[in-house]
PDB file of all heavy atoms in Angstrom:
ATOM      1  N   ARG A   1    -197.812-172.757-177.203  1.00  0.00           N
ATOM      2  CA  ARG A   1    -197.245-172.308-178.477  1.00  0.00           C
ATOM      3  C   ARG A   1    -195.868-172.923-178.711  1.00  0.00           C
ATOM      4  O   ARG A   1    -195.515-173.273-179.839  1.00  0.00           O
ATOM      5  CB  ARG A   1    -197.159-170.772-178.508  1.00  0.00           C
ATOM      6  CG  ARG A   1    -196.526-170.216-179.746  1.00  0.00           C
ATOM      7  CD  ARG A   1    -197.345-170.551-180.962  1.00  0.00           C
ATOM      8  NE  ARG A   1    -196.524-170.397-182.150  1.00  0.00           N
ATOM      9  CZ  ARG A   1    -196.939-170.639-183.357  1.00  0.00           C
ATOM     10  NH1 ARG A   1    -198.169-171.037-183.573  1.00  0.00           N
ATOM     11  NH2 ARG A   1    -196.131-170.494-184.374  1.00  0.00           N
ATOM     12  N   ASP A   2    -195.063-173.064-177.649  1.00  0.00           N
ATOM     13  CA  ASP A   2    -193.744-173.667-177.799  1.00  0.00           C
ATOM     14  C   ASP A   2    -193.850-175.110-178.258  1.00  0.00           C
ATOM     15  O   ASP A   2    -193.073-175.567-179.083  1.00  0.00           O
ATOM     16  CB  ASP A   2    -192.955-173.581-176.492  1.00  0.00           C
ATOM     17  CG  ASP A   2    -192.458-172.176-176.225  1.00  0.00           C
ATOM     18  OD1 ASP A   2    -192.123-171.471-177.190  1.00  0.00           O
ATOM     19  OD2 ASP A   2    -192.419-171.787-175.055  1.00  0.00           O
ATOM     20  N   HIS A   3    -194.837-175.821-177.748  1.00  0.00           N
ATOM     21  CA  HIS A   3    -195.000-177.225-178.135  1.00  0.00           C
ATOM     22  C   HIS A   3    -195.465-177.341-179.587  1.00  0.00           C
ATOM     23  O   HIS A   3    -195.103-178.286-180.280  1.00  0.00           O
ATOM     24  CB  HIS A   3    -195.928-177.931-177.159  1.00  0.00           C
ATOM     25  CG  HIS A   3    -195.296-178.099-175.818  1.00  0.00           C
ATOM     26  ND1 HIS A   3    -194.733-179.277-175.407  1.00  0.00           N
ATOM     27  CD2 HIS A   3    -195.073-177.213-174.813  1.00  0.00           C
ATOM     28  CE1 HIS A   3    -194.206-179.114-174.209  1.00  0.00           C
ATOM     29  NE2 HIS A   3    -194.395-177.867-173.829  1.00  0.00           N
ATOM     30  N   VAL A   4    -196.225-176.367-180.047  1.00  0.00           N
ATOM     31  CA  VAL A   4    -196.627-176.330-181.460  1.00  0.00           C
ATOM     32  C   VAL A   4    -195.405-176.040-182.333  1.00  0.00           C
ATOM     33  O   VAL A   4    -195.210-176.663-183.374  1.00  0.00           O
ATOM     34  CB  VAL A   4    -197.740-175.272-181.674  1.00  0.00           C
ATOM     35  CG1 VAL A   4    -198.011-175.060-183.156  1.00  0.00           C
ATOM     36  CG2 VAL A   4    -199.006-175.678-180.938  1.00  0.00           C
ATOM     37  N   ASP A   5    -194.561-175.100-181.896  1.00  0.00           N
ATOM     38  CA  ASP A   5    -193.370-174.718-182.662  1.00  0.00           C
ATOM     39  C   ASP A   5    -192.398-175.877-182.874  1.00  0.00           C
ATOM     40  O   ASP A   5    -191.697-175.931-183.891  1.00  0.00           O
ATOM     41  CB  ASP A   5    -192.602-173.597-181.953  1.00  0.00           C
ATOM     42  CG  ASP A   5    -193.333-172.279-181.959  1.00  0.00           C
ATOM     43  OD1 ASP A   5    -194.276-172.112-182.759  1.00  0.00           O
ATOM     44  OD2 ASP A   5    -192.950-171.407-181.152  1.00  0.00           O
ATOM     45  N   ILE A   6    -192.335-176.791-181.940  1.00  0.00           N
ATOM     46  CA  ILE A   6    -191.395-177.918-182.030  1.00  0.00           C
ATOM     47  C   ILE A   6    -191.591-178.695-183.334  1.00  0.00           C
ATOM     48  O   ILE A   6    -190.630-179.142-183.946  1.00  0.00           O
ATOM     49  CB  ILE A   6    -191.541-178.869-180.826  1.00  0.00           C
ATOM     50  CG1 ILE A   6    -191.118-178.161-179.548  1.00  0.00           C
ATOM     51  CG2 ILE A   6    -190.729-180.141-181.029  1.00  0.00           C
ATOM     52  CD1 ILE A   6    -191.466-178.936-178.291  1.00  0.00           C
ATOM     53  N   HIS A   7    -192.832-178.812-183.758  1.00  0.00           N
ATOM     54  CA  HIS A   7    -193.112-179.564-184.986  1.00  0.00           C
ATOM     55  C   HIS A   7    -192.401-178.957-186.189  1.00  0.00           C
ATOM     56  O   HIS A   7    -191.837-179.686-187.006  1.00  0.00           O
ATOM     57  CB  HIS A   7    -194.626-179.648-185.226  1.00  0.00           C
ATOM     58  CG  HIS A   7    -195.331-180.494-184.231  1.00  0.00           C
ATOM     59  ND1 HIS A   7    -195.505-181.844-184.396  1.00  0.00           N
ATOM     60  CD2 HIS A   7    -195.872-180.177-183.031  1.00  0.00           C
ATOM     61  CE1 HIS A   7    -196.143-182.332-183.345  1.00  0.00           C
ATOM     62  NE2 HIS A   7    -196.375-181.339-182.505  1.00  0.00           N
ATOM     63  N   SER A   8    -192.402-177.637-186.287  1.00  0.00           N
ATOM     64  CA  SER A   8    -191.743-177.020-187.441  1.00  0.00           C
ATOM     65  C   SER A   8    -190.226-177.190-187.370  1.00  0.00           C
ATOM     66  O   SER A   8    -189.573-177.352-188.404  1.00  0.00           O
ATOM     67  CB  SER A   8    -192.121-175.540-187.569  1.00  0.00           C
ATOM     68  OG  SER A   8    -191.661-174.808-186.465  1.00  0.00           O
ATOM     69  N   VAL A   9    -189.671-177.182-186.171  1.00  0.00           N
ATOM     70  CA  VAL A   9    -188.225-177.393-186.042  1.00  0.00           C
ATOM     71  C   VAL A   9    -187.877-178.820-186.466  1.00  0.00           C
ATOM     72  O   VAL A   9    -186.948-179.040-187.243  1.00  0.00           O
ATOM     73  CB  VAL A   9    -187.735-177.115-184.600  1.00  0.00           C
ATOM     74  CG1 VAL A   9    -186.235-177.372-184.485  1.00  0.00           C
ATOM     75  CG2 VAL A   9    -188.066-175.687-184.176  1.00  0.00           C
ATOM     76  N   PHE A  10    -188.626-179.791-185.972  1.00  0.00           N
ATOM     77  CA  PHE A  10    -188.380-181.184-186.372  1.00  0.00           C
ATOM     78  C   PHE A  10    -188.574-181.362-187.873  1.00  0.00           C
ATOM     79  O   PHE A  10    -187.788-182.048-188.528  1.00  0.00           O
ATOM     80  CB  PHE A  10    -189.300-182.144-185.609  1.00  0.00           C
ATOM     81  CG  PHE A  10    -188.650-182.771-184.422  1.00  0.00           C
ATOM     82  CD1 PHE A  10    -188.900-182.290-183.157  1.00  0.00           C
ATOM     83  CD2 PHE A  10    -187.790-183.849-184.558  1.00  0.00           C
ATOM     84  CE1 PHE A  10    -188.305-182.866-182.046  1.00  0.00           C
ATOM     85  CE2 PHE A  10    -187.184-184.429-183.462  1.00  0.00           C
ATOM     86  CZ  PHE A  10    -187.444-183.938-182.204  1.00  0.00           C
ATOM     87  N   LYS A  11    -189.596-180.759-188.418  1.00  0.00           N
ATOM     88  CA  LYS A  11    -189.887-180.915-189.842  1.00  0.00           C
ATOM     89  C   LYS A  11    -188.720-180.420-190.690  1.00  0.00           C
ATOM     90  O   LYS A  11    -188.336-181.049-191.667  1.00  0.00           O
ATOM     91  CB  LYS A  11    -191.162-180.143-190.195  1.00  0.00           C
ATOM     92  CG  LYS A  11    -191.643-180.362-191.590  1.00  0.00           C
ATOM     93  CD  LYS A  11    -192.971-179.659-191.799  1.00  0.00           C
ATOM     94  CE  LYS A  11    -193.483-179.904-193.198  1.00  0.00           C
ATOM     95  NZ  LYS A  11    -194.780-179.254-193.422  1.00  0.00           N
ATOM     96  N   ARG A  12    -188.121-179.297-190.300  1.00  0.00           N
ATOM     97  CA  ARG A  12    -187.029-178.711-191.081  1.00  0.00           C
ATOM     98  C   ARG A  12    -185.679-179.354-190.795  1.00  0.00           C
ATOM     99  O   ARG A  12    -184.807-179.393-191.650  1.00  0.00           O
ATOM    100  CB  ARG A  12    -186.940-177.222-190.802  1.00  0.00           C
ATOM    101  CG  ARG A  12    -188.138-176.448-191.307  1.00  0.00           C
ATOM    102  CD  ARG A  12    -187.967-174.995-190.987  1.00  0.00           C
ATOM    103  NE  ARG A  12    -186.920-174.457-191.822  1.00  0.00           N
ATOM    104  CZ  ARG A  12    -187.042-173.406-192.595  1.00  0.00           C
ATOM    105  NH1 ARG A  12    -188.169-172.772-192.634  1.00  0.00           N
ATOM    106  NH2 ARG A  12    -186.029-172.984-193.314  1.00  0.00           N
ATOM    107  N   GLN A  13    -185.463-179.847-189.576  1.00  0.00           N
ATOM    108  CA  GLN A  13    -184.128-180.276-189.154  1.00  0.00           C
ATOM    109  C   GLN A  13    -184.019-181.764-188.838  1.00  0.00           C
ATOM    110  O   GLN A  13    -182.957-182.209-188.390  1.00  0.00           O
ATOM    111  CB  GLN A  13    -183.726-179.489-187.893  1.00  0.00           C
ATOM    112  CG  GLN A  13    -183.693-178.001-188.082  1.00  0.00           C
ATOM    113  CD  GLN A  13    -182.555-177.558-188.983  1.00  0.00           C
ATOM    114  OE1 GLN A  13    -181.517-178.176-189.055  1.00  0.00           O
ATOM    115  NE2 GLN A  13    -182.755-176.450-189.673  1.00  0.00           N
ATOM    116  N   ALA A  14    -185.055-182.534-189.045  1.00  0.00           N
ATOM    117  CA  ALA A  14    -185.118-183.925-188.578  1.00  0.00           C
ATOM    118  C   ALA A  14    -183.861-184.739-188.856  1.00  0.00           C
ATOM    119  O   ALA A  14    -183.341-185.394-187.964  1.00  0.00           O
ATOM    120  CB  ALA A  14    -186.344-184.623-189.169  1.00  0.00           C
ATOM    121  N   GLY A  15    -183.355-184.692-190.039  1.00  0.00           N
ATOM    122  CA  GLY A  15    -182.214-185.521-190.393  1.00  0.00           C
ATOM    123  C   GLY A  15    -180.872-185.009-189.899  1.00  0.00           C
ATOM    124  O   GLY A  15    -179.869-185.711-189.992  1.00  0.00           O
ATOM    125  N   ALA A  16    -180.840-183.809-189.361  1.00  0.00           N
ATOM    126  CA  ALA A  16    -179.567-183.192-188.983  1.00  0.00           C
ATOM    127  C   ALA A  16    -179.388-183.030-187.471  1.00  0.00           C
ATOM    128  O   ALA A  16    -178.419-182.443-187.036  1.00  0.00           O
ATOM    129  CB  ALA A  16    -179.459-181.824-189.647  1.00  0.00           C
ATOM    130  N   LEU A  17    -180.306-183.555-186.690  1.00  0.00           N
ATOM    131  CA  LEU A  17    -180.260-183.356-185.238  1.00  0.00           C
ATOM    132  C   LEU A  17    -179.276-184.300-184.552  1.00  0.00           C
ATOM    133  O   LEU A  17    -179.145-185.460-184.939  1.00  0.00           O
ATOM    134  CB  LEU A  17    -181.648-183.550-184.633  1.00  0.00           C
ATOM    135  CG  LEU A  17    -182.702-182.546-185.085  1.00  0.00           C
ATOM    136  CD1 LEU A  17    -184.069-182.973-184.589  1.00  0.00           C
ATOM    137  CD2 LEU A  17    -182.356-181.155-184.611  1.00  0.00           C
ATOM    138  N   ASN A  18    -178.631-183.803-183.513  1.00  0.00           N
ATOM    139  CA  ASN A  18    -177.747-184.609-182.678  1.00  0.00           C
ATOM    140  C   ASN A  18    -178.593-185.173-181.537  1.00  0.00           C
ATOM    141  O   ASN A  18    -178.794-184.521-180.510  1.00  0.00           O
ATOM    142  CB  ASN A  18    -176.600-183.746-182.149  1.00  0.00           C
ATOM    143  CG  ASN A  18    -175.629-184.518-181.294  1.00  0.00           C
ATOM    144  OD1 ASN A  18    -175.961-185.547-180.717  1.00  0.00           O
ATOM    145  ND2 ASN A  18    -174.421-184.011-181.178  1.00  0.00           N
ATOM    146  N   HIS A  19    -179.100-186.378-181.740  1.00  0.00           N
ATOM    147  CA  HIS A  19    -180.035-186.972-180.787  1.00  0.00           C
ATOM    148  C   HIS A  19    -179.381-187.296-179.447  1.00  0.00           C
ATOM    149  O   HIS A  19    -180.026-187.138-178.401  1.00  0.00           O
ATOM    150  CB  HIS A  19    -180.673-188.227-181.385  1.00  0.00           C
ATOM    151  CG  HIS A  19    -181.357-187.954-182.678  1.00  0.00           C
ATOM    152  ND1 HIS A  19    -182.422-187.084-182.794  1.00  0.00           N
ATOM    153  CD2 HIS A  19    -181.117-188.411-183.929  1.00  0.00           C
ATOM    154  CE1 HIS A  19    -182.817-187.026-184.053  1.00  0.00           C
ATOM    155  NE2 HIS A  19    -182.033-187.823-184.755  1.00  0.00           N
ATOM    156  N   ASP A  20    -178.146-187.725-179.446  1.00  0.00           N
ATOM    157  CA  ASP A  20    -177.465-188.020-178.181  1.00  0.00           C
ATOM    158  C   ASP A  20    -177.352-186.762-177.322  1.00  0.00           C
ATOM    159  O   ASP A  20    -177.575-186.799-176.114  1.00  0.00           O
ATOM    160  CB  ASP A  20    -176.079-188.619-178.423  1.00  0.00           C
ATOM    161  CG  ASP A  20    -176.138-190.008-179.017  1.00  0.00           C
ATOM    162  OD1 ASP A  20    -177.170-190.694-178.832  1.00  0.00           O
ATOM    163  OD2 ASP A  20    -175.162-190.411-179.676  1.00  0.00           O
ATOM    164  N   TYR A  21    -176.995-185.659-177.941  1.00  0.00           N
ATOM    165  CA  TYR A  21    -176.895-184.385-177.234  1.00  0.00           C
ATOM    166  C   TYR A  21    -178.256-184.003-176.623  1.00  0.00           C
ATOM    167  O   TYR A  21    -178.352-183.655-175.454  1.00  0.00           O
ATOM    168  CB  TYR A  21    -176.410-183.291-178.197  1.00  0.00           C
ATOM    169  CG  TYR A  21    -176.469-181.908-177.605  1.00  0.00           C
ATOM    170  CD1 TYR A  21    -175.418-181.433-176.818  1.00  0.00           C
ATOM    171  CD2 TYR A  21    -177.559-181.081-177.814  1.00  0.00           C
ATOM    172  CE1 TYR A  21    -175.465-180.162-176.264  1.00  0.00           C
ATOM    173  CE2 TYR A  21    -177.621-179.816-177.264  1.00  0.00           C
ATOM    174  CZ  TYR A  21    -176.578-179.361-176.484  1.00  0.00           C
ATOM    175  OH  TYR A  21    -176.634-178.105-175.926  1.00  0.00           O
ATOM    176  N   ALA A  22    -179.297-184.062-177.441  1.00  0.00           N
ATOM    177  CA  ALA A  22    -180.632-183.689-176.964  1.00  0.00           C
ATOM    178  C   ALA A  22    -181.085-184.597-175.823  1.00  0.00           C
ATOM    179  O   ALA A  22    -181.597-184.119-174.805  1.00  0.00           O
ATOM    180  CB  ALA A  22    -181.635-183.740-178.115  1.00  0.00           C
ATOM    181  N   ARG A  23    -180.890-185.895-175.975  1.00  0.00           N
ATOM    182  CA  ARG A  23    -181.299-186.837-174.914  1.00  0.00           C
ATOM    183  C   ARG A  23    -180.566-186.575-173.605  1.00  0.00           C
ATOM    184  O   ARG A  23    -181.152-186.678-172.535  1.00  0.00           O
ATOM    185  CB  ARG A  23    -181.051-188.276-175.366  1.00  0.00           C
ATOM    186  CG  ARG A  23    -182.134-188.820-176.246  1.00  0.00           C
ATOM    187  CD  ARG A  23    -181.939-190.326-176.442  1.00  0.00           C
ATOM    188  NE  ARG A  23    -182.222-190.642-177.816  1.00  0.00           N
ATOM    189  CZ  ARG A  23    -181.324-190.858-178.759  1.00  0.00           C
ATOM    190  NH1 ARG A  23    -180.039-190.823-178.503  1.00  0.00           N
ATOM    191  NH2 ARG A  23    -181.692-191.145-179.985  1.00  0.00           N
ATOM    192  N   LYS A  24    -179.268-186.249-173.696  1.00  0.00           N
ATOM    193  CA  LYS A  24    -178.485-186.000-172.490  1.00  0.00           C
ATOM    194  C   LYS A  24    -179.094-184.854-171.695  1.00  0.00           C
ATOM    195  O   LYS A  24    -179.328-184.952-170.494  1.00  0.00           O
ATOM    196  CB  LYS A  24    -177.028-185.679-172.869  1.00  0.00           C
ATOM    197  CG  LYS A  24    -176.120-185.401-171.665  1.00  0.00           C
ATOM    198  CD  LYS A  24    -175.943-183.906-171.462  1.00  0.00           C
ATOM    199  CE  LYS A  24    -174.977-183.574-170.358  1.00  0.00           C
ATOM    200  NZ  LYS A  24    -175.541-183.018-169.166  1.00  0.00           N
ATOM    201  N   TRP A  25    -179.379-183.734-172.364  1.00  0.00           N
ATOM    202  CA  TRP A  25    -179.933-182.582-171.657  1.00  0.00           C
ATOM    203  C   TRP A  25    -181.370-182.836-171.228  1.00  0.00           C
ATOM    204  O   TRP A  25    -181.784-182.416-170.133  1.00  0.00           O
ATOM    205  CB  TRP A  25    -179.818-181.328-172.507  1.00  0.00           C
ATOM    206  CG  TRP A  25    -178.428-180.780-172.482  1.00  0.00           C
ATOM    207  CD1 TRP A  25    -177.496-180.847-173.487  1.00  0.00           C
ATOM    208  CD2 TRP A  25    -177.779-180.135-171.390  1.00  0.00           C
ATOM    209  NE1 TRP A  25    -176.322-180.266-173.080  1.00  0.00           N
ATOM    210  CE2 TRP A  25    -176.467-179.815-171.795  1.00  0.00           C
ATOM    211  CE3 TRP A  25    -178.176-179.789-170.097  1.00  0.00           C
ATOM    212  CZ2 TRP A  25    -175.559-179.169-170.966  1.00  0.00           C
ATOM    213  CZ3 TRP A  25    -177.270-179.135-169.271  1.00  0.00           C
ATOM    214  CH2 TRP A  25    -175.982-178.831-169.704  1.00  0.00           C
ATOM    215  N   LEU A  26    -182.150-183.503-172.039  1.00  0.00           N
ATOM    216  CA  LEU A  26    -183.532-183.808-171.647  1.00  0.00           C
ATOM    217  C   LEU A  26    -183.564-184.722-170.431  1.00  0.00           C
ATOM    218  O   LEU A  26    -184.412-184.553-169.545  1.00  0.00           O
ATOM    219  CB  LEU A  26    -184.296-184.421-172.824  1.00  0.00           C
ATOM    220  CG  LEU A  26    -184.580-183.445-173.966  1.00  0.00           C
ATOM    221  CD1 LEU A  26    -185.134-184.189-175.170  1.00  0.00           C
ATOM    222  CD2 LEU A  26    -185.528-182.337-173.510  1.00  0.00           C
ATOM    223  N   ARG A  27    -182.641-185.666-170.365  1.00  0.00           N
ATOM    224  CA  ARG A  27    -182.541-186.542-169.191  1.00  0.00           C
ATOM    225  C   ARG A  27    -182.246-185.709-167.936  1.00  0.00           C
ATOM    226  O   ARG A  27    -182.862-185.894-166.884  1.00  0.00           O
ATOM    227  CB  ARG A  27    -181.456-187.596-169.403  1.00  0.00           C
ATOM    228  CG  ARG A  27    -181.400-188.662-168.350  1.00  0.00           C
ATOM    229  CD  ARG A  27    -180.390-189.763-168.693  1.00  0.00           C
ATOM    230  NE  ARG A  27    -180.622-190.353-170.000  1.00  0.00           N
ATOM    231  CZ  ARG A  27    -179.865-190.154-171.091  1.00  0.00           C
ATOM    232  NH1 ARG A  27    -178.798-189.384-171.035  1.00  0.00           N
ATOM    233  NH2 ARG A  27    -180.153-190.719-172.242  1.00  0.00           N
ATOM    234  N   ASP A  28    -181.326-184.760-168.070  1.00  0.00           N
ATOM    235  CA  ASP A  28    -181.007-183.873-166.940  1.00  0.00           C
ATOM    236  C   ASP A  28    -182.236-183.075-166.511  1.00  0.00           C
ATOM    237  O   ASP A  28    -182.521-182.949-165.314  1.00  0.00           O
ATOM    238  CB  ASP A  28    -179.880-182.908-167.302  1.00  0.00           C
ATOM    239  CG  ASP A  28    -178.526-183.587-167.420  1.00  0.00           C
ATOM    240  OD1 ASP A  28    -178.402-184.796-167.084  1.00  0.00           O
ATOM    241  OD2 ASP A  28    -177.577-182.909-167.861  1.00  0.00           O
ATOM    242  N   PHE A  29    -182.979-182.540-167.481  1.00  0.00           N
ATOM    243  CA  PHE A  29    -184.180-181.774-167.144  1.00  0.00           C
ATOM    244  C   PHE A  29    -185.272-182.653-166.551  1.00  0.00           C
ATOM    245  O   PHE A  29    -186.017-182.211-165.675  1.00  0.00           O
ATOM    246  CB  PHE A  29    -184.701-181.003-168.357  1.00  0.00           C
ATOM    247  CG  PHE A  29    -183.954-179.719-168.608  1.00  0.00           C
ATOM    248  CD1 PHE A  29    -183.160-179.574-169.726  1.00  0.00           C
ATOM    249  CD2 PHE A  29    -184.031-178.667-167.709  1.00  0.00           C
ATOM    250  CE1 PHE A  29    -182.463-178.398-169.954  1.00  0.00           C
ATOM    251  CE2 PHE A  29    -183.341-177.478-167.924  1.00  0.00           C
ATOM    252  CZ  PHE A  29    -182.549-177.342-169.048  1.00  0.00           C
ATOM    253  N   GLU A  30    -185.383-183.892-167.012  1.00  0.00           N
ATOM    254  CA  GLU A  30    -186.355-184.807-166.415  1.00  0.00           C
ATOM    255  C   GLU A  30    -186.086-184.978-164.926  1.00  0.00           C
ATOM    256  O   GLU A  30    -187.021-184.979-164.120  1.00  0.00           O
ATOM    257  CB  GLU A  30    -186.329-186.167-167.118  1.00  0.00           C
ATOM    258  CG  GLU A  30    -187.023-186.171-168.455  1.00  0.00           C
ATOM    259  CD  GLU A  30    -187.067-187.542-169.099  1.00  0.00           C
ATOM    260  OE1 GLU A  30    -186.317-188.451-168.680  1.00  0.00           O
ATOM    261  OE2 GLU A  30    -187.861-187.711-170.037  1.00  0.00           O
ATOM    262  N   GLU A  31    -184.822-185.105-164.570  1.00  0.00           N
ATOM    263  CA  GLU A  31    -184.454-185.272-163.158  1.00  0.00           C
ATOM    264  C   GLU A  31    -184.721-184.003-162.360  1.00  0.00           C
ATOM    265  O   GLU A  31    -185.347-184.044-161.303  1.00  0.00           O
ATOM    266  CB  GLU A  31    -182.984-185.665-163.042  1.00  0.00           C
ATOM    267  CG  GLU A  31    -182.688-187.060-163.523  1.00  0.00           C
ATOM    268  CD  GLU A  31    -181.204-187.401-163.456  1.00  0.00           C
ATOM    269  OE1 GLU A  31    -180.470-186.750-162.681  1.00  0.00           O
ATOM    270  OE2 GLU A  31    -180.792-188.318-164.182  1.00  0.00           O
ATOM    271  N   VAL A  32    -184.242-182.878-162.855  1.00  0.00           N
ATOM    272  CA  VAL A  32    -184.364-181.615-162.124  1.00  0.00           C
ATOM    273  C   VAL A  32    -185.824-181.179-161.985  1.00  0.00           C
ATOM    274  O   VAL A  32    -186.232-180.692-160.928  1.00  0.00           O
ATOM    275  CB  VAL A  32    -183.536-180.508-162.813  1.00  0.00           C
ATOM    276  CG1 VAL A  32    -183.814-179.144-162.227  1.00  0.00           C
ATOM    277  CG2 VAL A  32    -182.054-180.823-162.734  1.00  0.00           C
ATOM    278  N   LEU A  33    -186.604-181.363-163.037  1.00  0.00           N
ATOM    279  CA  LEU A  33    -187.993-180.899-163.036  1.00  0.00           C
ATOM    280  C   LEU A  33    -188.989-181.995-162.650  1.00  0.00           C
ATOM    281  O   LEU A  33    -190.194-181.747-162.655  1.00  0.00           O
ATOM    282  CB  LEU A  33    -188.345-180.328-164.413  1.00  0.00           C
ATOM    283  CG  LEU A  33    -187.494-179.133-164.862  1.00  0.00           C
ATOM    284  CD1 LEU A  33    -187.851-178.737-166.289  1.00  0.00           C
ATOM    285  CD2 LEU A  33    -187.673-177.965-163.905  1.00  0.00           C
ATOM    286  N   ALA A  34    -188.488-183.174-162.325  1.00  0.00           N
ATOM    287  CA  ALA A  34    -189.352-184.310-161.957  1.00  0.00           C
ATOM    288  C   ALA A  34    -190.457-184.528-162.994  1.00  0.00           C
ATOM    289  O   ALA A  34    -191.628-184.653-162.681  1.00  0.00           O
ATOM    290  CB  ALA A  34    -189.938-184.110-160.563  1.00  0.00           C
ATOM    291  N   ASP A  35    -190.038-184.562-164.250  1.00  0.00           N
ATOM    292  CA  ASP A  35    -190.969-184.771-165.360  1.00  0.00           C
ATOM    293  C   ASP A  35    -190.343-185.788-166.300  1.00  0.00           C
ATOM    294  O   ASP A  35    -189.365-185.499-166.990  1.00  0.00           O
ATOM    295  CB  ASP A  35    -191.211-183.451-166.093  1.00  0.00           C
ATOM    296  CG  ASP A  35    -192.244-183.566-167.195  1.00  0.00           C
ATOM    297  OD1 ASP A  35    -192.497-184.682-167.696  1.00  0.00           O
ATOM    298  OD2 ASP A  35    -192.800-182.520-167.565  1.00  0.00           O
ATOM    299  N   SER A  36    -190.899-186.965-166.337  1.00  0.00           N
ATOM    300  CA  SER A  36    -190.300-188.052-167.121  1.00  0.00           C
ATOM    301  C   SER A  36    -190.821-188.115-168.554  1.00  0.00           C
ATOM    302  O   SER A  36    -190.657-189.131-169.224  1.00  0.00           O
ATOM    303  CB  SER A  36    -190.544-189.390-166.421  1.00  0.00           C
ATOM    304  OG  SER A  36    -191.935-189.641-166.361  1.00  0.00           O
ATOM    305  N   THR A  37    -191.398-187.045-169.052  1.00  0.00           N
ATOM    306  CA  THR A  37    -192.008-187.089-170.389  1.00  0.00           C
ATOM    307  C   THR A  37    -191.150-186.501-171.501  1.00  0.00           C
ATOM    308  O   THR A  37    -191.469-186.672-172.676  1.00  0.00           O
ATOM    309  CB  THR A  37    -193.351-186.331-170.387  1.00  0.00           C
ATOM    310  OG1 THR A  37    -193.109-184.945-170.102  1.00  0.00           O
ATOM    311  CG2 THR A  37    -194.317-186.917-169.358  1.00  0.00           C
ATOM    312  N   PHE A  38    -190.086-185.802-171.168  1.00  0.00           N
ATOM    313  CA  PHE A  38    -189.339-185.062-172.181  1.00  0.00           C
ATOM    314  C   PHE A  38    -188.705-185.959-173.249  1.00  0.00           C
ATOM    315  O   PHE A  38    -188.839-185.706-174.443  1.00  0.00           O
ATOM    316  CB  PHE A  38    -188.260-184.182-171.551  1.00  0.00           C
ATOM    317  CG  PHE A  38    -188.797-183.126-170.626  1.00  0.00           C
ATOM    318  CD1 PHE A  38    -188.161-182.862-169.433  1.00  0.00           C
ATOM    319  CD2 PHE A  38    -189.924-182.390-170.934  1.00  0.00           C
ATOM    320  CE1 PHE A  38    -188.630-181.882-168.571  1.00  0.00           C
ATOM    321  CE2 PHE A  38    -190.412-181.413-170.084  1.00  0.00           C
ATOM    322  CZ  PHE A  38    -189.763-181.153-168.895  1.00  0.00           C
ATOM    323  N   ILE A  39    -188.011-186.994-172.826  1.00  0.00           N
ATOM    324  CA  ILE A  39    -187.354-187.873-173.806  1.00  0.00           C
ATOM    325  C   ILE A  39    -188.387-188.627-174.629  1.00  0.00           C
ATOM    326  O   ILE A  39    -188.238-188.753-175.854  1.00  0.00           O
ATOM    327  CB  ILE A  39    -186.358-188.833-173.128  1.00  0.00           C
ATOM    328  CG1 ILE A  39    -185.196-188.030-172.538  1.00  0.00           C
ATOM    329  CG2 ILE A  39    -185.843-189.887-174.115  1.00  0.00           C
ATOM    330  CD1 ILE A  39    -184.223-188.847-171.715  1.00  0.00           C
ATOM    331  N   ALA A  40    -189.442-189.093-173.990  1.00  0.00           N
ATOM    332  CA  ALA A  40    -190.490-189.817-174.718  1.00  0.00           C
ATOM    333  C   ALA A  40    -191.118-188.921-175.783  1.00  0.00           C
ATOM    334  O   ALA A  40    -191.366-189.364-176.915  1.00  0.00           O
ATOM    335  CB  ALA A  40    -191.545-190.332-173.752  1.00  0.00           C
ATOM    336  N   GLU A  41    -191.376-187.672-175.451  1.00  0.00           N
ATOM    337  CA  GLU A  41    -191.963-186.748-176.421  1.00  0.00           C
ATOM    338  C   GLU A  41    -190.977-186.444-177.545  1.00  0.00           C
ATOM    339  O   GLU A  41    -191.357-186.394-178.724  1.00  0.00           O
ATOM    340  CB  GLU A  41    -192.393-185.453-175.734  1.00  0.00           C
ATOM    341  CG  GLU A  41    -193.004-184.430-176.661  1.00  0.00           C
ATOM    342  CD  GLU A  41    -194.311-184.845-177.308  1.00  0.00           C
ATOM    343  OE1 GLU A  41    -194.848-185.929-176.983  1.00  0.00           O
ATOM    344  OE2 GLU A  41    -194.792-184.107-178.174  1.00  0.00           O
ATOM    345  N   TYR A  42    -189.715-186.278-177.214  1.00  0.00           N
ATOM    346  CA  TYR A  42    -188.684-186.060-178.225  1.00  0.00           C
ATOM    347  C   TYR A  42    -188.648-187.245-179.201  1.00  0.00           C
ATOM    348  O   TYR A  42    -188.645-187.055-180.420  1.00  0.00           O
ATOM    349  CB  TYR A  42    -187.320-185.881-177.552  1.00  0.00           C
ATOM    350  CG  TYR A  42    -186.184-185.664-178.520  1.00  0.00           C
ATOM    351  CD1 TYR A  42    -185.847-184.385-178.936  1.00  0.00           C
ATOM    352  CD2 TYR A  42    -185.457-186.736-179.037  1.00  0.00           C
ATOM    353  CE1 TYR A  42    -184.808-184.172-179.840  1.00  0.00           C
ATOM    354  CE2 TYR A  42    -184.421-186.534-179.938  1.00  0.00           C
ATOM    355  CZ  TYR A  42    -184.103-185.257-180.325  1.00  0.00           C
ATOM    356  OH  TYR A  42    -183.082-185.057-181.228  1.00  0.00           O
ATOM    357  N   GLU A  43    -188.645-188.453-178.669  1.00  0.00           N
ATOM    358  CA  GLU A  43    -188.576-189.646-179.527  1.00  0.00           C
ATOM    359  C   GLU A  43    -189.844-189.817-180.357  1.00  0.00           C
ATOM    360  O   GLU A  43    -189.787-190.268-181.501  1.00  0.00           O
ATOM    361  CB  GLU A  43    -188.314-190.889-178.676  1.00  0.00           C
ATOM    362  CG  GLU A  43    -186.946-190.903-178.022  1.00  0.00           C
ATOM    363  CD  GLU A  43    -185.770-190.877-179.000  1.00  0.00           C
ATOM    364  OE1 GLU A  43    -185.932-191.173-180.197  1.00  0.00           O
ATOM    365  OE2 GLU A  43    -184.653-190.537-178.547  1.00  0.00           O
ATOM    366  N   ARG A  44    -190.989-189.440-179.803  1.00  0.00           N
ATOM    367  CA  ARG A  44    -192.246-189.513-180.563  1.00  0.00           C
ATOM    368  C   ARG A  44    -192.178-188.570-181.771  1.00  0.00           C
ATOM    369  O   ARG A  44    -192.515-188.952-182.896  1.00  0.00           O
ATOM    370  CB  ARG A  44    -193.427-189.138-179.670  1.00  0.00           C
ATOM    371  CG  ARG A  44    -194.784-189.284-180.356  1.00  0.00           C
ATOM    372  CD  ARG A  44    -195.906-188.772-179.479  1.00  0.00           C
ATOM    373  NE  ARG A  44    -195.905-187.326-179.371  1.00  0.00           N
ATOM    374  CZ  ARG A  44    -196.344-186.487-180.328  1.00  0.00           C
ATOM    375  NH1 ARG A  44    -196.796-186.968-181.473  1.00  0.00           N
ATOM    376  NH2 ARG A  44    -196.318-185.189-180.140  1.00  0.00           N
TER     377      ARG A  44
END
C-alpha cells in the first residue's frame, strides 16, 4: 500500500520536491538496508 501511495505524492508534488535531499537519505538507506533499488525507483 505504501508503494501505491507514492504515486499520489509524486503526482501532487512532482515539481516541488527537493531531489538532492531525497537522494541523500535514500542513499543512506540503501547502504544500511543493503537494498540498491531506492534511488532507482525514486528516479523512475
